[in-house]
C-alpha atoms as a PDB file:
ATOM      1  CA  GLU A   1      11.515  34.237 -44.033  1.00  0.00           C
ATOM      2  CA  PHE A   2      15.204  35.095 -44.529  1.00  0.00           C
ATOM      3  CA  ILE A   3      16.249  32.450 -41.976  1.00  0.00           C
ATOM      4  CA  ASN A   4      14.102  29.775 -43.645  1.00  0.00           C
ATOM      5  CA  LYS A   5      15.548  30.650 -47.050  1.00  0.00           C
ATOM      6  CA  ALA A   6      19.117  30.526 -45.715  1.00  0.00           C
ATOM      7  CA  LYS A   7      18.436  27.182 -44.017  1.00  0.00           C
ATOM      8  CA  SER A   8      16.947  25.703 -47.192  1.00  0.00           C
ATOM      9  CA  GLU A   9      19.908  26.894 -49.270  1.00  0.00           C
ATOM     10  CA  PHE A  10      22.366  25.433 -46.743  1.00  0.00           C
ATOM     11  CA  LEU A  11      20.574  22.069 -46.686  1.00  0.00           C
ATOM     12  CA  SER A  12      20.472  21.993 -50.477  1.00  0.00           C
ATOM     13  CA  THR A  13      24.187  22.807 -50.835  1.00  0.00           C
ATOM     14  CA  MET A  14      25.294  20.270 -48.224  1.00  0.00           C
ATOM     15  CA  SER A  15      23.048  17.582 -49.687  1.00  0.00           C
ATOM     16  CA  HIS A  16      24.445  18.051 -53.185  1.00  0.00           C
ATOM     17  CA  GLU A  17      28.012  17.927 -51.822  1.00  0.00           C
ATOM     18  CA  LEU A  18      27.267  14.630 -50.063  1.00  0.00           C
ATOM     19  CA  LYS A  19      25.538  13.070 -53.063  1.00  0.00           C
ATOM     20  CA  THR A  20      28.624  13.266 -55.313  1.00  0.00           C
ATOM     21  CA  PRO A  21      30.860  10.827 -53.352  1.00  0.00           C
ATOM     22  CA  LEU A  22      27.854   8.725 -52.365  1.00  0.00           C
ATOM     23  CA  ASN A  23      26.858   8.188 -55.993  1.00  0.00           C
ATOM     24  CA  ALA A  24      30.426   7.023 -56.656  1.00  0.00           C
ATOM     25  CA  ILE A  25      30.152   4.456 -53.845  1.00  0.00           C
ATOM     26  CA  ILE A  26      26.832   3.186 -55.200  1.00  0.00           C
ATOM     27  CA  GLY A  27      28.113   3.124 -58.778  1.00  0.00           C
ATOM     28  CA  PHE A  28      31.311   1.218 -58.005  1.00  0.00           C
ATOM     29  CA  SER A  29      29.428  -1.269 -55.818  1.00  0.00           C
ATOM     30  CA  GLU A  30      27.100  -1.952 -58.771  1.00  0.00           C
ATOM     31  CA  ILE A  31      30.130  -2.544 -61.009  1.00  0.00           C
ATOM     32  CA  LEU A  32      31.432  -5.083 -58.486  1.00  0.00           C
ATOM     33  CA  GLN A  33      28.000  -6.742 -58.279  1.00  0.00           C
ATOM     34  CA  GLN A  34      27.965  -7.147 -62.065  1.00  0.00           C
ATOM     35  CA  GLY A  35      31.295  -8.975 -61.938  1.00  0.00           C
ATOM     36  CA  ILE A  36      33.046  -6.491 -64.233  1.00  0.00           C
ATOM     37  CA  ALA A  37      36.074  -6.378 -61.908  1.00  0.00           C
ATOM     38  CA  GLY A  38      36.098 -10.156 -61.458  1.00  0.00           C
ATOM     39  CA  LYS A  39      33.975 -12.887 -59.931  1.00  0.00           C
ATOM     40  CA  LEU A  40      33.048 -12.494 -56.270  1.00  0.00           C
ATOM     41  CA  ASN A  41      32.708 -15.277 -53.735  1.00  0.00           C
ATOM     42  CA  GLU A  42      29.581 -15.623 -51.593  1.00  0.00           C
ATOM     43  CA  LYS A  43      30.951 -13.599 -48.669  1.00  0.00           C
ATOM     44  CA  GLN A  44      32.129 -10.793 -50.949  1.00  0.00           C
ATOM     45  CA  GLU A  45      28.735 -10.684 -52.666  1.00  0.00           C
ATOM     46  CA  ARG A  46      27.060 -10.284 -49.271  1.00  0.00           C
ATOM     47  CA  PHE A  47      29.464  -7.490 -48.286  1.00  0.00           C
ATOM     48  CA  ILE A  48      28.903  -5.631 -51.571  1.00  0.00           C
ATOM     49  CA  GLU A  49      25.132  -6.062 -51.245  1.00  0.00           C
ATOM     50  CA  ASN A  50      25.283  -4.433 -47.804  1.00  0.00           C
ATOM     51  CA  ILE A  51      27.468  -1.579 -49.115  1.00  0.00           C
ATOM     52  CA  HIS A  52      25.111  -0.979 -52.041  1.00  0.00           C
ATOM     53  CA  GLY A  53      21.969  -1.192 -49.907  1.00  0.00           C
ATOM     54  CA  SER A  54      23.386   1.115 -47.240  1.00  0.00           C
ATOM     55  CA  GLY A  55      24.478   3.580 -49.920  1.00  0.00           C
ATOM     56  CA  LYS A  56      20.996   3.656 -51.433  1.00  0.00           C
ATOM     57  CA  PHE A  57      19.563   3.968 -47.930  1.00  0.00           C
ATOM     58  CA  LEU A  58      21.749   7.019 -47.192  1.00  0.00           C
ATOM     59  CA  LEU A  59      20.994   8.534 -50.601  1.00  0.00           C
ATOM     60  CA  THR A  60      17.293   8.397 -49.828  1.00  0.00           C
ATOM     61  CA  MET A  61      17.886  10.184 -46.518  1.00  0.00           C
ATOM     62  CA  ILE A  62      19.814  12.926 -48.335  1.00  0.00           C
ATOM     63  CA  ASN A  63      16.988  13.255 -50.847  1.00  0.00           C
ATOM     64  CA  ASP A  64      14.631  13.677 -47.883  1.00  0.00           C
ATOM     65  CA  ILE A  65      16.676  16.697 -46.811  1.00  0.00           C
ATOM     66  CA  LEU A  66      16.415  18.149 -50.317  1.00  0.00           C
ATOM     67  CA  ASP A  67      12.669  17.490 -50.323  1.00  0.00           C
ATOM     68  CA  LEU A  68      12.344  19.305 -47.018  1.00  0.00           C
ATOM     69  CA  GLY A  69      13.699  22.429 -48.680  1.00  0.00           C
ATOM     70  CA  ILE A  70      11.208  22.076 -51.526  1.00  0.00           C
ATOM     71  CA  ILE A  71       8.333  21.532 -49.104  1.00  0.00           C
ATOM     72  CA  GLU A  72       9.301  24.522 -46.972  1.00  0.00           C
ATOM     73  CA  ALA A  73       9.337  26.605 -50.152  1.00  0.00           C
ATOM     74  CA  ASN A  74       5.807  25.290 -50.891  1.00  0.00           C
ATOM     75  CA  ASN A  75       6.834  24.276 -54.393  1.00  0.00           C
ATOM     76  CA  ILE A  76       6.552  20.615 -55.361  1.00  0.00           C
ATOM     77  CA  GLU A  77       5.146  18.818 -58.416  1.00  0.00           C
ATOM     78  CA  LEU A  78       3.928  15.291 -59.061  1.00  0.00           C
ATOM     79  CA  ALA A  79       3.924  13.756 -62.534  1.00  0.00           C
ATOM     80  CA  TYR A  80       1.334  10.983 -62.591  1.00  0.00           C
ATOM     81  CA  GLU A  81       1.762   7.778 -64.574  1.00  0.00           C
ATOM     82  CA  ARG A  82       0.454   4.213 -64.551  1.00  0.00           C
ATOM     83  CA  VAL A  83       2.564   2.575 -61.836  1.00  0.00           C
ATOM     84  CA  PRO A  84       2.942  -1.235 -61.532  1.00  0.00           C
ATOM     85  CA  VAL A  85       2.431  -1.743 -57.805  1.00  0.00           C
ATOM     86  CA  SER A  86       4.017  -5.184 -57.386  1.00  0.00           C
ATOM     87  CA  LEU A  87       7.125  -4.241 -59.376  1.00  0.00           C
ATOM     88  CA  VAL A  88       7.729  -1.080 -57.340  1.00  0.00           C
ATOM     89  CA  ILE A  89       7.245  -2.953 -54.057  1.00  0.00           C
ATOM     90  CA  HIS A  90       9.781  -5.609 -55.041  1.00  0.00           C
ATOM     91  CA  GLU A  91      12.238  -2.871 -56.033  1.00  0.00           C
ATOM     92  CA  ILE A  92      11.885  -1.414 -52.541  1.00  0.00           C
ATOM     93  CA  PHE A  93      12.225  -4.835 -50.900  1.00  0.00           C
ATOM     94  CA  ASN A  94      15.496  -5.345 -52.772  1.00  0.00           C
ATOM     95  CA  MET A  95      16.743  -1.992 -51.454  1.00  0.00           C
ATOM     96  CA  ILE A  96      15.937  -2.713 -47.814  1.00  0.00           C
ATOM     97  CA  LYS A  97      16.577  -6.455 -47.526  1.00  0.00           C
ATOM     98  CA  GLY A  98      20.164  -5.860 -46.413  1.00  0.00           C
ATOM     99  CA  LYS A  99      19.010  -3.659 -43.528  1.00  0.00           C
ATOM    100  CA  ALA A 100      16.289  -6.169 -42.662  1.00  0.00           C
ATOM    101  CA  ARG A 101      18.817  -9.005 -42.573  1.00  0.00           C
ATOM    102  CA  GLU A 102      21.118  -6.985 -40.303  1.00  0.00           C
ATOM    103  CA  LYS A 103      18.283  -6.597 -37.783  1.00  0.00           C
ATOM    104  CA  ASN A 104      16.960 -10.152 -38.224  1.00  0.00           C
ATOM    105  CA  VAL A 105      13.664  -8.839 -39.597  1.00  0.00           C
ATOM    106  CA  ASP A 106      11.511 -10.912 -41.956  1.00  0.00           C
ATOM    107  CA  LEU A 107       9.804  -9.011 -44.789  1.00  0.00           C
ATOM    108  CA  VAL A 108       6.299 -10.229 -45.680  1.00  0.00           C
ATOM    109  CA  LEU A 109       4.130  -9.101 -48.609  1.00  0.00           C
ATOM    110  CA  ASP A 110       0.353  -9.579 -48.718  1.00  0.00           C
ATOM    111  CA  LEU A 111      -0.791  -7.856 -51.919  1.00  0.00           C
ATOM    112  CA  SER A 112      -4.221  -8.286 -53.494  1.00  0.00           C
ATOM    113  CA  SER A 113      -3.985  -9.623 -57.048  1.00  0.00           C
ATOM    114  CA  GLN A 114      -6.553  -6.978 -58.043  1.00  0.00           C
ATOM    115  CA  LEU A 115      -4.190  -4.179 -57.028  1.00  0.00           C
ATOM    116  CA  ASP A 116      -1.996  -4.246 -60.118  1.00  0.00           C
ATOM    117  CA  TYR A 117      -1.708  -0.567 -61.126  1.00  0.00           C
ATOM    118  CA  ILE A 118      -2.340   2.860 -59.626  1.00  0.00           C
ATOM    119  CA  GLU A 119      -1.983   6.349 -61.048  1.00  0.00           C
ATOM    120  CA  ALA A 120       0.793   8.035 -59.079  1.00  0.00           C
ATOM    121  CA  ASP A 121       4.130   9.770 -59.310  1.00  0.00           C
ATOM    122  CA  ARG A 122       6.342   6.685 -59.458  1.00  0.00           C
ATOM    123  CA  GLN A 123       9.350   8.228 -57.717  1.00  0.00           C
ATOM    124  CA  ARG A 124       7.251   9.716 -54.918  1.00  0.00           C
ATOM    125  CA  PHE A 125       5.218   6.520 -54.479  1.00  0.00           C
ATOM    126  CA  ARG A 126       8.508   4.633 -54.082  1.00  0.00           C
ATOM    127  CA  GLN A 127       9.607   7.238 -51.563  1.00  0.00           C
ATOM    128  CA  ILE A 128       6.440   6.818 -49.499  1.00  0.00           C
ATOM    129  CA  LEU A 129       6.855   3.043 -49.346  1.00  0.00           C
ATOM    130  CA  PHE A 130      10.587   3.244 -48.683  1.00  0.00           C
ATOM    131  CA  ASN A 131      10.171   5.701 -45.818  1.00  0.00           C
ATOM    132  CA  LEU A 132       7.484   3.632 -44.106  1.00  0.00           C
ATOM    133  CA  LEU A 133       9.208   0.269 -44.599  1.00  0.00           C
ATOM    134  CA  SER A 134      12.656   1.499 -43.566  1.00  0.00           C
ATOM    135  CA  ASN A 135      11.088   3.171 -40.531  1.00  0.00           C
ATOM    136  CA  ALA A 136       9.455  -0.117 -39.536  1.00  0.00           C
ATOM    137  CA  ILE A 137      12.782  -1.943 -39.841  1.00  0.00           C
ATOM    138  CA  LYS A 138      14.670   0.758 -37.955  1.00  0.00           C
ATOM    139  CA  PHE A 139      12.360   0.553 -34.942  1.00  0.00           C
ATOM    140  CA  SER A 140      12.248  -3.236 -34.795  1.00  0.00           C
ATOM    141  CA  LYS A 141      13.272  -4.841 -31.527  1.00  0.00           C
ATOM    142  CA  LEU A 142      16.875  -5.920 -31.055  1.00  0.00           C
ATOM    143  CA  GLU A 143      15.908  -9.605 -31.228  1.00  0.00           C
ATOM    144  CA  GLY A 144      14.325  -9.102 -34.658  1.00  0.00           C
ATOM    145  CA  GLY A 145      10.741  -9.417 -35.810  1.00  0.00           C
ATOM    146  CA  THR A 146       8.470  -9.127 -38.827  1.00  0.00           C
ATOM    147  CA  VAL A 147       7.514  -6.245 -41.111  1.00  0.00           C
ATOM    148  CA  THR A 148       4.416  -6.858 -43.232  1.00  0.00           C
ATOM    149  CA  LEU A 149       3.235  -4.789 -46.195  1.00  0.00           C
ATOM    150  CA  ARG A 150      -0.409  -5.267 -47.156  1.00  0.00           C
ATOM    151  CA  GLY A 151      -2.179  -3.770 -50.140  1.00  0.00           C
ATOM    152  CA  LYS A 152      -5.825  -3.943 -51.184  1.00  0.00           C
ATOM    153  CA  ILE A 153      -8.527  -2.060 -53.065  1.00  0.00           C
ATOM    154  CA  ILE A 154     -11.417  -0.382 -51.252  1.00  0.00           C
ATOM    155  CA  ALA A 155     -13.924   1.053 -53.763  1.00  0.00           C
ATOM    156  CA  ASP A 156     -11.881   3.421 -55.962  1.00  0.00           C
ATOM    157  CA  THR A 157      -8.984   3.662 -53.510  1.00  0.00           C
ATOM    158  CA  ALA A 158      -5.782   1.711 -52.911  1.00  0.00           C
ATOM    159  CA  GLU A 159      -4.990   1.095 -49.248  1.00  0.00           C
ATOM    160  CA  PHE A 160      -1.510   0.122 -48.070  1.00  0.00           C
ATOM    161  CA  SER A 161      -0.520  -0.766 -44.517  1.00  0.00           C
ATOM    162  CA  ILE A 162       2.917  -1.445 -43.068  1.00  0.00           C
ATOM    163  CA  SER A 163       2.868  -3.368 -39.785  1.00  0.00           C
ATOM    164  CA  ASP A 164       5.795  -4.215 -37.531  1.00  0.00           C
ATOM    165  CA  THR A 165       6.408  -6.111 -34.310  1.00  0.00           C
ATOM    166  CA  GLY A 166       8.694  -3.378 -33.033  1.00  0.00           C
ATOM    167  CA  ILE A 167       8.998  -1.117 -30.023  1.00  0.00           C
ATOM    168  CA  GLY A 168       5.669   0.627 -30.561  1.00  0.00           C
ATOM    169  CA  ILE A 169       4.658   4.208 -29.830  1.00  0.00           C
ATOM    170  CA  LYS A 170       3.051   5.666 -26.724  1.00  0.00           C
ATOM    171  CA  GLU A 171      -0.484   6.952 -27.272  1.00  0.00           C
ATOM    172  CA  GLN A 172       0.412  10.539 -26.359  1.00  0.00           C
ATOM    173  CA  ASP A 173       3.196  10.513 -28.961  1.00  0.00           C
ATOM    174  CA  LEU A 174       1.115   9.426 -31.962  1.00  0.00           C
ATOM    175  CA  LYS A 175       0.092  13.002 -32.801  1.00  0.00           C
ATOM    176  CA  LYS A 176       3.760  14.057 -33.025  1.00  0.00           C
ATOM    177  CA  LEU A 177       4.686  11.474 -35.656  1.00  0.00           C
ATOM    178  CA  PHE A 178       4.170  13.528 -38.800  1.00  0.00           C
ATOM    179  CA  VAL A 179       5.668  16.821 -37.569  1.00  0.00           C
ATOM    180  CA  VAL A 180       9.014  17.910 -39.074  1.00  0.00           C
ATOM    181  CA  PHE A 181      11.940  17.422 -36.659  1.00  0.00           C
ATOM    182  CA  LYS A 182       9.517  16.417 -33.904  1.00  0.00           C
ATOM    183  CA  GLN A 183      11.178  13.548 -32.076  1.00  0.00           C
ATOM    184  CA  VAL A 184       8.689  11.237 -30.418  1.00  0.00           C
ATOM    185  CA  ASP A 185      11.238  10.068 -27.854  1.00  0.00           C
ATOM    186  CA  SER A 186      14.701  11.610 -27.857  1.00  0.00           C
ATOM    187  CA  GLY A 187      16.173   8.545 -26.153  1.00  0.00           C
ATOM    188  CA  MET A 188      14.743   6.221 -28.788  1.00  0.00           C
ATOM    189  CA  THR A 189      15.847   8.573 -31.554  1.00  0.00           C
ATOM    190  CA  ARG A 190      19.433   8.499 -30.293  1.00  0.00           C
ATOM    191  CA  LYS A 191      19.294   4.716 -29.960  1.00  0.00           C
ATOM    192  CA  TYR A 192      17.673   3.917 -33.303  1.00  0.00           C
ATOM    193  CA  GLY A 193      18.732   6.930 -35.396  1.00  0.00           C
ATOM    194  CA  GLY A 194      16.734   9.289 -37.604  1.00  0.00           C
ATOM    195  CA  ALA A 195      16.382  12.999 -38.175  1.00  0.00           C
ATOM    196  CA  GLY A 196      12.599  13.274 -37.891  1.00  0.00           C
ATOM    197  CA  LEU A 197      12.094  14.026 -41.591  1.00  0.00           C
ATOM    198  CA  GLY A 198      10.798  10.864 -43.228  1.00  0.00           C
ATOM    199  CA  LEU A 199       7.284  10.690 -41.795  1.00  0.00           C
ATOM    200  CA  ALA A 200       6.602  14.410 -42.232  1.00  0.00           C
ATOM    201  CA  ILE A 201       7.666  14.236 -45.881  1.00  0.00           C
ATOM    202  CA  THR A 202       5.683  11.026 -46.356  1.00  0.00           C
ATOM    203  CA  LYS A 203       2.503  12.674 -45.036  1.00  0.00           C
ATOM    204  CA  HIS A 204       2.973  15.607 -47.401  1.00  0.00           C
ATOM    205  CA  LEU A 205       3.485  13.298 -50.400  1.00  0.00           C
ATOM    206  CA  VAL A 206       0.456  11.148 -49.535  1.00  0.00           C
ATOM    207  CA  GLU A 207      -1.753  14.226 -49.217  1.00  0.00           C
ATOM    208  CA  LEU A 208      -0.400  15.599 -52.488  1.00  0.00           C
ATOM    209  CA  HIS A 209      -1.604  12.313 -54.051  1.00  0.00           C
ATOM    210  CA  ARG A 210      -5.034  13.209 -52.577  1.00  0.00           C
ATOM    211  CA  GLY A 211      -4.694  10.475 -49.989  1.00  0.00           C
ATOM    212  CA  LYS A 212      -4.659  10.074 -46.214  1.00  0.00           C
ATOM    213  CA  ILE A 213      -2.186   8.552 -43.759  1.00  0.00           C
ATOM    214  CA  TRP A 214      -2.521   7.540 -40.116  1.00  0.00           C
ATOM    215  CA  ALA A 215      -0.835   5.378 -37.498  1.00  0.00           C
ATOM    216  CA  GLU A 216      -1.985   2.903 -34.862  1.00  0.00           C
ATOM    217  CA  SER A 217       0.298   1.487 -32.219  1.00  0.00           C
ATOM    218  CA  LYS A 218       0.616  -0.421 -28.978  1.00  0.00           C
ATOM    219  CA  TYR A 219       3.666   0.441 -26.932  1.00  0.00           C
ATOM    220  CA  ASN A 220       6.235  -2.370 -26.892  1.00  0.00           C
ATOM    221  CA  GLU A 221       4.091  -4.477 -29.250  1.00  0.00           C
ATOM    222  CA  GLY A 222       4.307  -2.800 -32.646  1.00  0.00           C
ATOM    223  CA  SER A 223       2.826  -0.245 -35.006  1.00  0.00           C
ATOM    224  CA  THR A 224       0.793  -0.089 -38.201  1.00  0.00           C
ATOM    225  CA  PHE A 225       1.039   2.815 -40.636  1.00  0.00           C
ATOM    226  CA  THR A 226      -1.763   2.968 -43.205  1.00  0.00           C
ATOM    227  CA  PHE A 227      -2.140   5.250 -46.197  1.00  0.00           C
ATOM    228  CA  THR A 228      -4.635   5.518 -49.028  1.00  0.00           C
ATOM    229  CA  VAL A 229      -4.347   6.931 -52.537  1.00  0.00           C
ATOM    230  CA  PRO A 230      -6.947   7.062 -55.324  1.00  0.00           C
ATOM    231  CA  LEU A 231      -6.564   4.404 -58.018  1.00  0.00           C
ATOM    232  CA  LYS A 232      -6.889   7.177 -60.607  1.00  0.00           C
ATOM    233  CA  GLN A 233      -5.985  10.849 -60.366  1.00  0.00           C
ATOM    234  CA  ASN A 234      -7.965  13.708 -61.905  1.00  0.00           C
ATOM    235  CA  ASN A 235      -5.073  15.187 -63.876  1.00  0.00           C
ATOM    236  CA  SER A 236      -1.570  14.321 -65.097  1.00  0.00           C
ATOM    237  CA  ILE A 237       0.327  16.814 -62.935  1.00  0.00           C
ATOM    238  CA  ALA A 238      -0.226  17.909 -59.348  1.00  0.00           C
ATOM    239  CA  HIS A 239       1.376  21.151 -58.262  1.00  0.00           C
ATOM    240  CA  VAL A 240       1.460  22.982 -54.962  1.00  0.00           C
ATOM    241  CA  SER A 241       2.902  26.490 -54.743  1.00  0.00           C
END
């Protein structure tokens, strides 16, 4: 217990120290994007977009580390609200399009027109989508590919699936996917990056929304991650302690 507490405190301190300069990078890149420091040419706009997107990408990873500490302390809350699904998805697409372009990955959205709102914690719902989409991009093949987000309603549940044409996952490794720090393939992890946090945190957040998450994959062909959440929650705040 003492070791876990010390580890959580260390992760929290280091994460906060990293967030201060990172927020400055993101903030100044937004100032440049707005043209406050002068008009940018097309190449400069592309460079700044990549800086901003990468900064937001890294900030999300740091927040994952902070969330790990909260999860290990078994103390996390969700504040439910009426979340506009399409708007949130497009916000996420704007965050990850720079990374997708770098890897020559096309982003495709197939969203049912009936799936307009869900009751969820907006920040955590964004985090779930971001983790799954960025993971799909990260493990795309070197020659590029396609990442597709689908959303539909089944009875009183919203179902989202993120499919990629990436490197895939071996059948024996599927059960390891949602375990903290459990690396499915250490060689692939070194090659493609990642700390083994995102999927474990995502599973916890989905289940806290009273949903389910699972993965299907064919090695060297691609993977599909699917999660469900109720369209409406029973109460305004979910709390686990």
